């Protein structure tokens, strides 16, 4: 089967989020080729992309992707060779051949069938994605805990028109234009992967949330089944009156970009910068986990008590990119607001 190499690479990139990081079940680290589609499944995410691959087998994703990405011609030829000793996927272009071992029976076929049956059998129909769903989920997802032991705090919660995501020292809220028909929760880390397929429809079933784009390609994300999400506690925090306002300096975005250099190689769970507001000045500082630090001062008009906040520089840059110019605060909380999005951070001494 001769295929356009770049179109194949694009398809592989889209389904990558469904690959498992660890090889618990071999085929969860494989691209599954099913004649007219390419599928990945890791028990938490399943991605199906319509593509005329023309073969039925699975191949180790990492090896296959690296080989195809290094080829030079516009087209690539794929063929399956079955022998008594080994089944092989032959990858060819002019002057090049490679063979990779394959599995011709999908070990996770039962899982995929259960997922497909759940989509088809349950009564709820595909609905238009609520306006603001993807933008709101993306903005809120930065507030999730990166520590997997924190359970529901690693997730994002949808209820009515509201999206919540947060942990002990920060929380985000976004109000969509339409309601979701029922509340649900899934891992916040899935949002960046969901953006890849750019969905326009969704469907809620017993164990999964399913998303579909204009090309009828789908991504299914398993619900997180934690017994209780503390959204009512988070909601009460957003009801706190912000009695004070502080005008942010126009050079803050450039300052955060500069200081954030020190956090580029930090693990996500610990990535943060410190910002201190003192009389007529703001001090931004970051230390690298492997050594080194940056401190930058900016002039501001402020005559109140000293305020300290710790914030993920990626979150703050995302907020500042939406022309946010003020910060509300109390003696315990700081609030950034832009349109339907709110982000709260705990102050510390």
C-alpha atoms as a PDB file:
ATOM      1  CA  UNK A   1       0.000   0.000   0.000  1.00  0.00           C
ATOM      2  CA  UNK A   2       1.553   3.304  -1.127  1.00  0.00           C
ATOM      3  CA  UNK A   3       0.798   6.292   1.092  1.00  0.00           C
ATOM      4  CA  UNK A   4       1.715   9.954   1.224  1.00  0.00           C
ATOM      5  CA  UNK A   5       4.324  10.107   3.946  1.00  0.00           C
ATOM      6  CA  UNK A   6       3.360  13.488   5.436  1.00  0.00           C
ATOM      7  CA  UNK A   7      -0.330  12.568   5.612  1.00  0.00           C
ATOM      8  CA  UNK A   8       0.628   9.358   7.415  1.00  0.00           C
ATOM      9  CA  UNK A   9       2.806  11.293   9.875  1.00  0.00           C
ATOM     10  CA  UNK A  10      -0.024  13.744  10.550  1.00  0.00           C
ATOM     11  CA  UNK A  11      -2.371  10.857  11.334  1.00  0.00           C
ATOM     12  CA  UNK A  12       0.163   9.207  13.642  1.00  0.00           C
ATOM     13  CA  UNK A  13       0.736  12.484  15.510  1.00  0.00           C
ATOM     14  CA  UNK A  14      -2.994  12.902  16.126  1.00  0.00           C
ATOM     15  CA  UNK A  15      -3.428   9.418  17.626  1.00  0.00           C
ATOM     16  CA  UNK A  16      -0.278   9.561  19.802  1.00  0.00           C
ATOM     17  CA  UNK A  17      -2.181  10.710  22.944  1.00  0.00           C
ATOM     18  CA  UNK A  18      -3.745   7.234  23.146  1.00  0.00           C
ATOM     19  CA  UNK A  19      -0.372   5.522  23.558  1.00  0.00           C
ATOM     20  CA  UNK A  20       0.620   4.167  26.966  1.00  0.00           C
ATOM     21  CA  UNK A  21       3.864   5.447  28.454  1.00  0.00           C
ATOM     22  CA  UNK A  22       4.600   2.083  30.065  1.00  0.00           C
ATOM     23  CA  UNK A  23       4.239  -1.300  28.380  1.00  0.00           C
ATOM     24  CA  UNK A  24       1.763  -2.958  30.752  1.00  0.00           C
ATOM     25  CA  UNK A  25      -0.053  -4.490  27.788  1.00  0.00           C
ATOM     26  CA  UNK A  26       2.100  -4.605  24.683  1.00  0.00           C
ATOM     27  CA  UNK A  27      -0.432  -3.247  22.223  1.00  0.00           C
ATOM     28  CA  UNK A  28      -1.118  -0.184  24.372  1.00  0.00           C
ATOM     29  CA  UNK A  29       2.242   1.088  23.090  1.00  0.00           C
ATOM     30  CA  UNK A  30       1.342   0.173  19.489  1.00  0.00           C
ATOM     31  CA  UNK A  31      -0.309   1.900  16.573  1.00  0.00           C
ATOM     32  CA  UNK A  32      -3.296  -0.301  15.684  1.00  0.00           C
ATOM     33  CA  UNK A  33      -3.926  -0.357  11.933  1.00  0.00           C
ATOM     34  CA  UNK A  34      -7.507  -1.369  11.087  1.00  0.00           C
ATOM     35  CA  UNK A  35      -7.652  -1.041   7.280  1.00  0.00           C
ATOM     36  CA  UNK A  36      -9.524   2.287   7.152  1.00  0.00           C
ATOM     37  CA  UNK A  37      -8.377   3.800  10.443  1.00  0.00           C
ATOM     38  CA  UNK A  38      -5.485   4.121  12.897  1.00  0.00           C
ATOM     39  CA  UNK A  39      -6.282   3.584  16.567  1.00  0.00           C
ATOM     40  CA  UNK A  40      -4.457   3.929  19.885  1.00  0.00           C
ATOM     41  CA  UNK A  41      -5.768   2.790  23.275  1.00  0.00           C
ATOM     42  CA  UNK A  42      -4.209   2.963  26.745  1.00  0.00           C
ATOM     43  CA  UNK A  43      -7.256   2.311  28.988  1.00  0.00           C
ATOM     44  CA  UNK A  44      -7.576   6.042  29.785  1.00  0.00           C
ATOM     45  CA  UNK A  45      -7.662   7.538  26.281  1.00  0.00           C
ATOM     46  CA  UNK A  46      -8.670   6.023  22.961  1.00  0.00           C
ATOM     47  CA  UNK A  47      -8.092   7.888  19.682  1.00  0.00           C
ATOM     48  CA  UNK A  48      -9.442   6.746  16.337  1.00  0.00           C
ATOM     49  CA  UNK A  49      -8.413   8.538  13.130  1.00  0.00           C
ATOM     50  CA  UNK A  50      -9.906   7.716   9.746  1.00  0.00           C
ATOM     51  CA  UNK A  51      -7.045   6.922   7.394  1.00  0.00           C
ATOM     52  CA  UNK A  52      -6.829   4.440   4.479  1.00  0.00           C
ATOM     53  CA  UNK A  53      -3.879   2.514   5.883  1.00  0.00           C
ATOM     54  CA  UNK A  54      -4.981  -0.628   3.997  1.00  0.00           C
ATOM     55  CA  UNK A  55      -3.560  -3.177   6.471  1.00  0.00           C
ATOM     56  CA  UNK A  56      -4.714  -4.877   9.686  1.00  0.00           C
ATOM     57  CA  UNK A  57      -2.027  -5.272  12.335  1.00  0.00           C
ATOM     58  CA  UNK A  58      -0.292  -3.411  15.133  1.00  0.00           C
ATOM     59  CA  UNK A  59       3.297  -2.191  15.351  1.00  0.00           C
ATOM     60  CA  UNK A  60       5.412  -0.678  18.106  1.00  0.00           C
ATOM     61  CA  UNK A  61       4.608   3.025  17.827  1.00  0.00           C
ATOM     62  CA  UNK A  62       7.953   4.530  18.798  1.00  0.00           C
ATOM     63  CA  UNK A  63       9.984   2.566  16.239  1.00  0.00           C
ATOM     64  CA  UNK A  64       7.483   3.029  13.423  1.00  0.00           C
ATOM     65  CA  UNK A  65       7.077   6.775  13.950  1.00  0.00           C
ATOM     66  CA  UNK A  66      10.828   7.403  14.120  1.00  0.00           C
ATOM     67  CA  UNK A  67      11.463   5.491  10.905  1.00  0.00           C
ATOM     68  CA  UNK A  68       8.676   7.174   8.920  1.00  0.00           C
ATOM     69  CA  UNK A  69       9.691  10.636  10.168  1.00  0.00           C
ATOM     70  CA  UNK A  70      13.287  10.100   8.959  1.00  0.00           C
ATOM     71  CA  UNK A  71      12.366   9.024   5.439  1.00  0.00           C
ATOM     72  CA  UNK A  72      12.945  11.511   2.621  1.00  0.00           C
ATOM     73  CA  UNK A  73      10.521  10.710  -0.202  1.00  0.00           C
ATOM     74  CA  UNK A  74       6.969  12.004  -0.580  1.00  0.00           C
ATOM     75  CA  UNK A  75       5.488   8.509  -0.532  1.00  0.00           C
ATOM     76  CA  UNK A  76       6.099   5.399   1.560  1.00  0.00           C
ATOM     77  CA  UNK A  77       5.005   1.835   0.882  1.00  0.00           C
ATOM     78  CA  UNK A  78       3.697  -0.490   3.609  1.00  0.00           C
ATOM     79  CA  UNK A  79       3.204  -4.239   3.218  1.00  0.00           C
ATOM     80  CA  UNK A  80       2.543  -7.086   5.642  1.00  0.00           C
ATOM     81  CA  UNK A  81       4.634 -10.226   5.237  1.00  0.00           C
ATOM     82  CA  UNK A  82       3.362 -13.334   7.042  1.00  0.00           C
ATOM     83  CA  UNK A  83       5.681 -16.283   7.589  1.00  0.00           C
ATOM     84  CA  UNK A  84       5.748 -19.237   9.989  1.00  0.00           C
ATOM     85  CA  UNK A  85       8.558 -17.593  11.916  1.00  0.00           C
ATOM     86  CA  UNK A  86       7.387 -13.983  12.179  1.00  0.00           C
ATOM     87  CA  UNK A  87       4.852 -11.499  10.867  1.00  0.00           C
ATOM     88  CA  UNK A  88       6.572  -8.358   9.599  1.00  0.00           C
ATOM     89  CA  UNK A  89       5.571  -4.879   8.476  1.00  0.00           C
ATOM     90  CA  UNK A  90       7.713  -3.915   5.503  1.00  0.00           C
ATOM     91  CA  UNK A  91       8.415  -0.176   5.168  1.00  0.00           C
ATOM     92  CA  UNK A  92       9.814   0.877   1.797  1.00  0.00           C
ATOM     93  CA  UNK A  93      10.807   3.885  -0.229  1.00  0.00           C
ATOM     94  CA  UNK A  94      13.237   4.153  -3.124  1.00  0.00           C
ATOM     95  CA  UNK A  95      16.626   2.938  -1.886  1.00  0.00           C
ATOM     96  CA  UNK A  96      15.332   2.033   1.598  1.00  0.00           C
ATOM     97  CA  UNK A  97      13.708  -0.962   3.318  1.00  0.00           C
ATOM     98  CA  UNK A  98      12.920  -1.775   6.931  1.00  0.00           C
ATOM     99  CA  UNK A  99      11.025  -4.592   8.608  1.00  0.00           C
ATOM    100  CA  UNK A 100       9.324  -4.368  12.000  1.00  0.00           C
ATOM    101  CA  UNK A 101       7.675  -7.220  13.929  1.00  0.00           C
ATOM    102  CA  UNK A 102       3.890  -6.898  14.123  1.00  0.00           C
ATOM    103  CA  UNK A 103       0.916  -8.465  15.834  1.00  0.00           C
ATOM    104  CA  UNK A 104      -1.866  -9.459  13.464  1.00  0.00           C
ATOM    105  CA  UNK A 105      -4.480 -10.118  16.158  1.00  0.00           C
ATOM    106  CA  UNK A 106      -5.339  -7.145  18.336  1.00  0.00           C
ATOM    107  CA  UNK A 107      -4.909  -8.175  21.964  1.00  0.00           C
ATOM    108  CA  UNK A 108      -7.089  -5.259  23.113  1.00  0.00           C
ATOM    109  CA  UNK A 109      -9.831  -5.913  20.557  1.00  0.00           C
ATOM    110  CA  UNK A 110     -12.284  -6.793  23.349  1.00  0.00           C
ATOM    111  CA  UNK A 111     -11.605  -3.448  25.043  1.00  0.00           C
ATOM    112  CA  UNK A 112     -12.193  -1.575  21.797  1.00  0.00           C
ATOM    113  CA  UNK A 113     -15.402  -3.503  21.154  1.00  0.00           C
ATOM    114  CA  UNK A 114     -16.733  -2.665  24.623  1.00  0.00           C
ATOM    115  CA  UNK A 115     -15.926   0.988  24.016  1.00  0.00           C
ATOM    116  CA  UNK A 116     -17.608   0.976  20.595  1.00  0.00           C
ATOM    117  CA  UNK A 117     -20.675  -0.786  22.009  1.00  0.00           C
ATOM    118  CA  UNK A 118     -20.935   1.796  24.793  1.00  0.00           C
ATOM    119  CA  UNK A 119     -20.908   4.615  22.254  1.00  0.00           C
ATOM    120  CA  UNK A 120     -23.576   2.986  20.081  1.00  0.00           C
ATOM    121  CA  UNK A 121     -25.886   1.477  22.688  1.00  0.00           C
ATOM    122  CA  UNK A 122     -26.327   4.299  25.165  1.00  0.00           C
ATOM    123  CA  UNK A 123     -29.237   6.612  24.382  1.00  0.00           C
ATOM    124  CA  UNK A 124     -27.522   9.972  24.658  1.00  0.00           C
ATOM    125  CA  UNK A 125     -26.865  11.489  21.229  1.00  0.00           C
ATOM    126  CA  UNK A 126     -23.848  13.416  20.000  1.00  0.00           C
ATOM    127  CA  UNK A 127     -24.251  17.070  20.994  1.00  0.00           C
ATOM    128  CA  UNK A 128     -22.489  20.270  20.013  1.00  0.00           C
ATOM    129  CA  UNK A 129     -19.630  21.046  22.365  1.00  0.00           C
ATOM    130  CA  UNK A 130     -20.696  23.908  24.684  1.00  0.00           C
ATOM    131  CA  UNK A 131     -19.216  27.244  23.631  1.00  0.00           C
ATOM    132  CA  UNK A 132     -16.120  27.891  25.683  1.00  0.00           C
ATOM    133  CA  UNK A 133     -15.650  24.222  26.630  1.00  0.00           C
ATOM    134  CA  UNK A 134     -12.223  23.735  25.070  1.00  0.00           C
ATOM    135  CA  UNK A 135     -10.860  27.204  25.847  1.00  0.00           C
ATOM    136  CA  UNK A 136     -12.094  27.057  29.430  1.00  0.00           C
ATOM    137  CA  UNK A 137     -10.830  23.550  30.036  1.00  0.00           C
ATOM    138  CA  UNK A 138      -7.416  24.462  28.637  1.00  0.00           C
ATOM    139  CA  UNK A 139      -7.077  27.574  30.801  1.00  0.00           C
ATOM    140  CA  UNK A 140      -8.250  25.775  33.942  1.00  0.00           C
ATOM    141  CA  UNK A 141      -6.104  22.681  33.362  1.00  0.00           C
ATOM    142  CA  UNK A 142      -2.932  24.531  34.398  1.00  0.00           C
ATOM    143  CA  UNK A 143      -4.257  24.637  37.977  1.00  0.00           C
ATOM    144  CA  UNK A 144      -4.397  20.843  38.352  1.00  0.00           C
ATOM    145  CA  UNK A 145      -1.974  19.114  40.679  1.00  0.00           C
ATOM    146  CA  UNK A 146       0.811  17.284  38.865  1.00  0.00           C
ATOM    147  CA  UNK A 147       1.206  14.912  41.813  1.00  0.00           C
ATOM    148  CA  UNK A 148      -0.671  11.705  40.910  1.00  0.00           C
ATOM    149  CA  UNK A 149      -1.174  10.879  44.606  1.00  0.00           C
ATOM    150  CA  UNK A 150      -3.527  13.899  44.852  1.00  0.00           C
ATOM    151  CA  UNK A 151      -6.341  12.022  43.119  1.00  0.00           C
ATOM    152  CA  UNK A 152      -9.238  14.369  42.226  1.00  0.00           C
ATOM    153  CA  UNK A 153      -6.951  17.413  42.363  1.00  0.00           C
ATOM    154  CA  UNK A 154      -5.233  16.110  39.211  1.00  0.00           C
ATOM    155  CA  UNK A 155      -8.583  16.298  37.413  1.00  0.00           C
ATOM    156  CA  UNK A 156     -10.870  18.862  35.842  1.00  0.00           C
ATOM    157  CA  UNK A 157     -14.537  19.023  36.820  1.00  0.00           C
ATOM    158  CA  UNK A 158     -17.507  20.041  34.652  1.00  0.00           C
ATOM    159  CA  UNK A 159     -20.895  20.869  36.208  1.00  0.00           C
ATOM    160  CA  UNK A 160     -23.679  22.998  34.721  1.00  0.00           C
ATOM    161  CA  UNK A 161     -21.974  25.911  32.967  1.00  0.00           C
ATOM    162  CA  UNK A 162     -18.904  25.769  35.220  1.00  0.00           C
ATOM    163  CA  UNK A 163     -15.445  24.247  34.858  1.00  0.00           C
ATOM    164  CA  UNK A 164     -13.309  23.858  37.998  1.00  0.00           C
ATOM    165  CA  UNK A 165      -9.711  22.782  38.446  1.00  0.00           C
ATOM    166  CA  UNK A 166      -7.418  23.328  41.398  1.00  0.00           C
ATOM    167  CA  UNK A 167      -5.477  22.171  44.420  1.00  0.00           C
ATOM    168  CA  UNK A 168      -4.503  23.528  47.840  1.00  0.00           C
ATOM    169  CA  UNK A 169      -2.919  26.841  46.769  1.00  0.00           C
ATOM    170  CA  UNK A 170      -4.511  27.654  43.406  1.00  0.00           C
ATOM    171  CA  UNK A 171      -7.832  27.103  41.665  1.00  0.00           C
ATOM    172  CA  UNK A 172      -9.366  28.139  38.340  1.00  0.00           C
ATOM    173  CA  UNK A 173     -12.969  28.554  37.250  1.00  0.00           C
ATOM    174  CA  UNK A 174     -14.465  29.134  33.803  1.00  0.00           C
ATOM    175  CA  UNK A 175     -18.126  29.744  32.910  1.00  0.00           C
ATOM    176  CA  UNK A 176     -19.234  28.270  29.575  1.00  0.00           C
ATOM    177  CA  UNK A 177     -22.136  29.637  27.542  1.00  0.00           C
ATOM    178  CA  UNK A 178     -24.152  26.405  27.763  1.00  0.00           C
ATOM    179  CA  UNK A 179     -24.571  23.705  30.384  1.00  0.00           C
ATOM    180  CA  UNK A 180     -23.380  20.119  30.267  1.00  0.00           C
ATOM    181  CA  UNK A 181     -26.268  17.649  30.878  1.00  0.00           C
ATOM    182  CA  UNK A 182     -24.517  15.955  33.797  1.00  0.00           C
ATOM    183  CA  UNK A 183     -21.444  16.524  35.952  1.00  0.00           C
ATOM    184  CA  UNK A 184     -18.244  14.659  35.104  1.00  0.00           C
ATOM    185  CA  UNK A 185     -14.562  14.558  35.947  1.00  0.00           C
ATOM    186  CA  UNK A 186     -11.461  13.465  34.031  1.00  0.00           C
ATOM    187  CA  UNK A 187      -7.718  13.961  34.129  1.00  0.00           C
ATOM    188  CA  UNK A 188      -6.697  17.526  33.379  1.00  0.00           C
ATOM    189  CA  UNK A 189      -3.614  16.310  31.495  1.00  0.00           C
ATOM    190  CA  UNK A 190      -5.968  15.025  28.769  1.00  0.00           C
ATOM    191  CA  UNK A 191      -6.982  18.556  27.730  1.00  0.00           C
ATOM    192  CA  UNK A 192      -3.803  19.410  25.815  1.00  0.00           C
ATOM    193  CA  UNK A 193      -4.209  16.115  23.955  1.00  0.00           C
ATOM    194  CA  UNK A 194      -7.897  16.750  23.264  1.00  0.00           C
ATOM    195  CA  UNK A 195      -7.029  20.070  21.608  1.00  0.00           C
ATOM    196  CA  UNK A 196      -5.101  18.156  18.943  1.00  0.00           C
ATOM    197  CA  UNK A 197      -8.257  16.752  17.350  1.00  0.00           C
ATOM    198  CA  UNK A 198     -10.185  20.062  17.712  1.00  0.00           C
ATOM    199  CA  UNK A 199     -13.557  18.474  18.621  1.00  0.00           C
ATOM    200  CA  UNK A 200     -16.951  19.997  17.818  1.00  0.00           C
ATOM    201  CA  UNK A 201     -19.236  17.253  19.246  1.00  0.00           C
ATOM    202  CA  UNK A 202     -19.319  15.238  22.453  1.00  0.00           C
ATOM    203  CA  UNK A 203     -21.232  12.389  24.031  1.00  0.00           C
ATOM    204  CA  UNK A 204     -21.339  11.205  27.642  1.00  0.00           C
ATOM    205  CA  UNK A 205     -21.645   7.474  28.345  1.00  0.00           C
ATOM    206  CA  UNK A 206     -21.306   5.348  31.476  1.00  0.00           C
ATOM    207  CA  UNK A 207     -17.514   5.251  31.715  1.00  0.00           C
ATOM    208  CA  UNK A 208     -16.263   7.642  29.037  1.00  0.00           C
ATOM    209  CA  UNK A 209     -16.597  11.115  27.533  1.00  0.00           C
ATOM    210  CA  UNK A 210     -16.382  10.905  23.743  1.00  0.00           C
ATOM    211  CA  UNK A 211     -15.351  13.743  21.436  1.00  0.00           C
ATOM    212  CA  UNK A 212     -15.626  14.001  17.651  1.00  0.00           C
ATOM    213  CA  UNK A 213     -14.239  16.504  15.128  1.00  0.00           C
ATOM    214  CA  UNK A 214     -15.364  17.601  11.669  1.00  0.00           C
ATOM    215  CA  UNK A 215     -13.669  14.594  10.077  1.00  0.00           C
ATOM    216  CA  UNK A 216     -15.546  12.164  12.373  1.00  0.00           C
ATOM    217  CA  UNK A 217     -12.287  11.296  14.110  1.00  0.00           C
ATOM    218  CA  UNK A 218     -12.848  10.524  17.775  1.00  0.00           C
ATOM    219  CA  UNK A 219     -11.110  10.716  21.130  1.00  0.00           C
ATOM    220  CA  UNK A 220     -12.607   8.993  24.153  1.00  0.00           C
ATOM    221  CA  UNK A 221     -11.442   9.951  27.656  1.00  0.00           C
ATOM    222  CA  UNK A 222     -12.254   7.733  30.614  1.00  0.00           C
ATOM    223  CA  UNK A 223     -14.145   9.380  33.470  1.00  0.00           C
ATOM    224  CA  UNK A 224     -12.345   9.689  36.800  1.00  0.00           C
ATOM    225  CA  UNK A 225     -14.509   8.023  39.424  1.00  0.00           C
ATOM    226  CA  UNK A 226     -13.452   9.790  42.600  1.00  0.00           C
ATOM    227  CA  UNK A 227     -16.384   9.887  45.052  1.00  0.00           C
ATOM    228  CA  UNK A 228     -16.335  13.636  45.727  1.00  0.00           C
ATOM    229  CA  UNK A 229     -14.870  16.684  44.009  1.00  0.00           C
ATOM    230  CA  UNK A 230     -14.582  19.809  46.245  1.00  0.00           C
ATOM    231  CA  UNK A 231     -16.116  22.241  43.760  1.00  0.00           C
ATOM    232  CA  UNK A 232     -18.451  23.725  46.393  1.00  0.00           C
ATOM    233  CA  UNK A 233     -15.415  24.669  48.481  1.00  0.00           C
ATOM    234  CA  UNK A 234     -13.778  26.167  45.396  1.00  0.00           C
ATOM    235  CA  UNK A 235     -16.978  28.022  44.492  1.00  0.00           C
ATOM    236  CA  UNK A 236     -17.128  29.640  47.928  1.00  0.00           C
ATOM    237  CA  UNK A 237     -13.578  30.948  47.439  1.00  0.00           C
ATOM    238  CA  UNK A 238     -14.610  32.719  44.236  1.00  0.00           C
ATOM    239  CA  UNK A 239     -17.417  34.409  46.166  1.00  0.00           C
ATOM    240  CA  UNK A 240     -14.823  36.122  48.404  1.00  0.00           C
ATOM    241  CA  UNK A 241     -15.011  39.922  47.855  1.00  0.00           C
ATOM    242  CA  UNK A 242     -11.742  41.314  46.513  1.00  0.00           C
ATOM    243  CA  UNK A 243     -11.530  44.566  48.462  1.00  0.00           C
ATOM    244  CA  UNK A 244      -8.222  45.678  46.983  1.00  0.00           C
ATOM    245  CA  UNK A 245      -6.970  46.094  43.420  1.00  0.00           C
ATOM    246  CA  UNK A 246      -3.449  46.439  42.140  1.00  0.00           C
ATOM    247  CA  UNK A 247      -2.507  47.627  38.663  1.00  0.00           C
ATOM    248  CA  UNK A 248       0.028  45.259  37.110  1.00  0.00           C
ATOM    249  CA  UNK A 249       3.093  46.780  35.421  1.00  0.00           C
ATOM    250  CA  UNK A 250       3.098  46.767  31.622  1.00  0.00           C
ATOM    251  CA  UNK A 251       6.465  44.992  31.595  1.00  0.00           C
ATOM    252  CA  UNK A 252       5.290  42.081  33.766  1.00  0.00           C
ATOM    253  CA  UNK A 253       4.867  39.663  30.846  1.00  0.00           C
ATOM    254  CA  UNK A 254       8.458  40.232  29.670  1.00  0.00           C
ATOM    255  CA  UNK A 255       9.646  39.919  33.270  1.00  0.00           C
ATOM    256  CA  UNK A 256       7.886  36.563  33.760  1.00  0.00           C
ATOM    257  CA  UNK A 257       9.313  35.288  30.461  1.00  0.00           C
ATOM    258  CA  UNK A 258      12.809  36.239  31.628  1.00  0.00           C
ATOM    259  CA  UNK A 259      12.544  34.853  35.157  1.00  0.00           C
ATOM    260  CA  UNK A 260      10.728  31.747  33.884  1.00  0.00           C
ATOM    261  CA  UNK A 261      13.899  30.688  32.052  1.00  0.00           C
ATOM    262  CA  UNK A 262      15.054  29.200  35.364  1.00  0.00           C
ATOM    263  CA  UNK A 263      12.051  26.836  35.460  1.00  0.00           C
ATOM    264  CA  UNK A 264      12.294  25.478  31.906  1.00  0.00           C
ATOM    265  CA  UNK A 265      13.867  22.199  33.020  1.00  0.00           C
ATOM    266  CA  UNK A 266      12.022  21.839  36.326  1.00  0.00           C
ATOM    267  CA  UNK A 267       9.574  18.985  36.783  1.00  0.00           C
ATOM    268  CA  UNK A 268       5.972  20.157  36.392  1.00  0.00           C
ATOM    269  CA  UNK A 269       5.024  19.364  39.980  1.00  0.00           C
ATOM    270  CA  UNK A 270       7.518  21.960  41.296  1.00  0.00           C
ATOM    271  CA  UNK A 271       7.562  24.580  38.504  1.00  0.00           C
ATOM    272  CA  UNK A 272       6.925  28.042  39.957  1.00  0.00           C
ATOM    273  CA  UNK A 273       8.200  31.582  40.351  1.00  0.00           C
ATOM    274  CA  UNK A 274       7.897  33.839  43.417  1.00  0.00           C
ATOM    275  CA  UNK A 275       6.427  37.317  43.119  1.00  0.00           C
ATOM    276  CA  UNK A 276       6.638  39.845  45.970  1.00  0.00           C
ATOM    277  CA  UNK A 277       4.766  43.154  46.063  1.00  0.00           C
ATOM    278  CA  UNK A 278       6.390  45.770  48.298  1.00  0.00           C
ATOM    279  CA  UNK A 279       6.092  49.548  48.564  1.00  0.00           C
ATOM    280  CA  UNK A 280       6.240  50.799  44.959  1.00  0.00           C
ATOM    281  CA  UNK A 281       8.011  47.735  43.602  1.00  0.00           C
ATOM    282  CA  UNK A 282       7.430  44.175  42.446  1.00  0.00           C
ATOM    283  CA  UNK A 283      10.142  41.505  42.692  1.00  0.00           C
ATOM    284  CA  UNK A 284      10.003  38.391  40.494  1.00  0.00           C
ATOM    285  CA  UNK A 285      12.370  35.568  41.348  1.00  0.00           C
ATOM    286  CA  UNK A 286      12.921  31.961  40.298  1.00  0.00           C
ATOM    287  CA  UNK A 287      15.401  29.293  41.341  1.00  0.00           C
ATOM    288  CA  UNK A 288      16.306  26.330  39.212  1.00  0.00           C
ATOM    289  CA  UNK A 289      16.138  22.881  40.791  1.00  0.00           C
ATOM    290  CA  UNK A 290      19.582  22.187  39.358  1.00  0.00           C
ATOM    291  CA  UNK A 291      21.156  25.462  40.489  1.00  0.00           C
ATOM    292  CA  UNK A 292      21.030  29.099  39.402  1.00  0.00           C
ATOM    293  CA  UNK A 293      18.499  31.871  39.920  1.00  0.00           C
ATOM    294  CA  UNK A 294      17.108  35.056  38.356  1.00  0.00           C
ATOM    295  CA  UNK A 295      15.632  38.096  40.144  1.00  0.00           C
ATOM    296  CA  UNK A 296      14.023  41.063  38.413  1.00  0.00           C
ATOM    297  CA  UNK A 297      12.486  44.225  39.969  1.00  0.00           C
ATOM    298  CA  UNK A 298       9.749  46.385  38.432  1.00  0.00           C
ATOM    299  CA  UNK A 299       8.362  49.721  39.573  1.00  0.00           C
ATOM    300  CA  UNK A 300       4.668  49.782  40.512  1.00  0.00           C
ATOM    301  CA  UNK A 301       2.306  52.101  42.368  1.00  0.00           C
ATOM    302  CA  UNK A 302       1.616  50.188  45.603  1.00  0.00           C
ATOM    303  CA  UNK A 303       1.597  51.381  49.217  1.00  0.00           C
ATOM    304  CA  UNK A 304       0.056  48.409  51.036  1.00  0.00           C
ATOM    305  CA  UNK A 305       1.399  45.502  53.063  1.00  0.00           C
ATOM    306  CA  UNK A 306       3.876  43.085  51.523  1.00  0.00           C
ATOM    307  CA  UNK A 307       2.184  40.435  49.337  1.00  0.00           C
ATOM    308  CA  UNK A 308       3.817  37.161  48.275  1.00  0.00           C
ATOM    309  CA  UNK A 309       2.462  34.755  45.674  1.00  0.00           C
ATOM    310  CA  UNK A 310       3.876  31.603  44.124  1.00  0.00           C
ATOM    311  CA  UNK A 311       2.656  30.968  40.587  1.00  0.00           C
ATOM    312  CA  UNK A 312       3.336  28.694  37.647  1.00  0.00           C
ATOM    313  CA  UNK A 313       4.948  30.996  35.023  1.00  0.00           C
ATOM    314  CA  UNK A 314       3.114  29.217  32.201  1.00  0.00           C
ATOM    315  CA  UNK A 315      -0.233  29.938  33.881  1.00  0.00           C
ATOM    316  CA  UNK A 316       0.633  33.584  34.499  1.00  0.00           C
ATOM    317  CA  UNK A 317       1.885  34.111  30.941  1.00  0.00           C
ATOM    318  CA  UNK A 318      -1.340  32.611  29.601  1.00  0.00           C
ATOM    319  CA  UNK A 319      -3.327  35.043  31.755  1.00  0.00           C
ATOM    320  CA  UNK A 320      -1.214  38.050  30.786  1.00  0.00           C
ATOM    321  CA  UNK A 321      -1.493  37.167  27.096  1.00  0.00           C
ATOM    322  CA  UNK A 322      -5.217  38.019  27.395  1.00  0.00           C
ATOM    323  CA  UNK A 323      -4.520  41.662  28.323  1.00  0.00           C
ATOM    324  CA  UNK A 324      -5.168  41.246  32.060  1.00  0.00           C
ATOM    325  CA  UNK A 325      -3.952  44.466  33.726  1.00  0.00           C
ATOM    326  CA  UNK A 326      -5.144  44.253  37.353  1.00  0.00           C
ATOM    327  CA  UNK A 327      -5.025  41.822  40.274  1.00  0.00           C
ATOM    328  CA  UNK A 328      -7.621  41.765  43.029  1.00  0.00           C
ATOM    329  CA  UNK A 329      -6.554  40.602  46.488  1.00  0.00           C
ATOM    330  CA  UNK A 330      -7.471  40.124  50.130  1.00  0.00           C
ATOM    331  CA  UNK A 331      -5.206  39.254  53.057  1.00  0.00           C
ATOM    332  CA  UNK A 332      -5.321  35.593  51.944  1.00  0.00           C
ATOM    333  CA  UNK A 333      -6.060  35.424  48.209  1.00  0.00           C
ATOM    334  CA  UNK A 334      -5.069  37.015  44.905  1.00  0.00           C
ATOM    335  CA  UNK A 335      -7.453  36.963  41.939  1.00  0.00           C
ATOM    336  CA  UNK A 336      -6.727  37.264  38.212  1.00  0.00           C
ATOM    337  CA  UNK A 337      -9.793  37.640  35.987  1.00  0.00           C
ATOM    338  CA  UNK A 338     -10.302  37.724  32.236  1.00  0.00           C
ATOM    339  CA  UNK A 339     -13.752  37.383  30.719  1.00  0.00           C
ATOM    340  CA  UNK A 340     -15.340  34.122  31.874  1.00  0.00           C
ATOM    341  CA  UNK A 341     -12.084  32.891  33.451  1.00  0.00           C
ATOM    342  CA  UNK A 342     -10.950  33.402  37.057  1.00  0.00           C
ATOM    343  CA  UNK A 343      -7.726  32.229  38.700  1.00  0.00           C
ATOM    344  CA  UNK A 344      -7.187  32.330  42.481  1.00  0.00           C
ATOM    345  CA  UNK A 345      -3.823  31.989  44.237  1.00  0.00           C
ATOM    346  CA  UNK A 346      -3.157  31.758  47.977  1.00  0.00           C
ATOM    347  CA  UNK A 347      -0.932  34.449  49.451  1.00  0.00           C
ATOM    348  CA  UNK A 348       1.882  33.441  51.782  1.00  0.00           C
ATOM    349  CA  UNK A 349       4.161  35.224  54.251  1.00  0.00           C
END
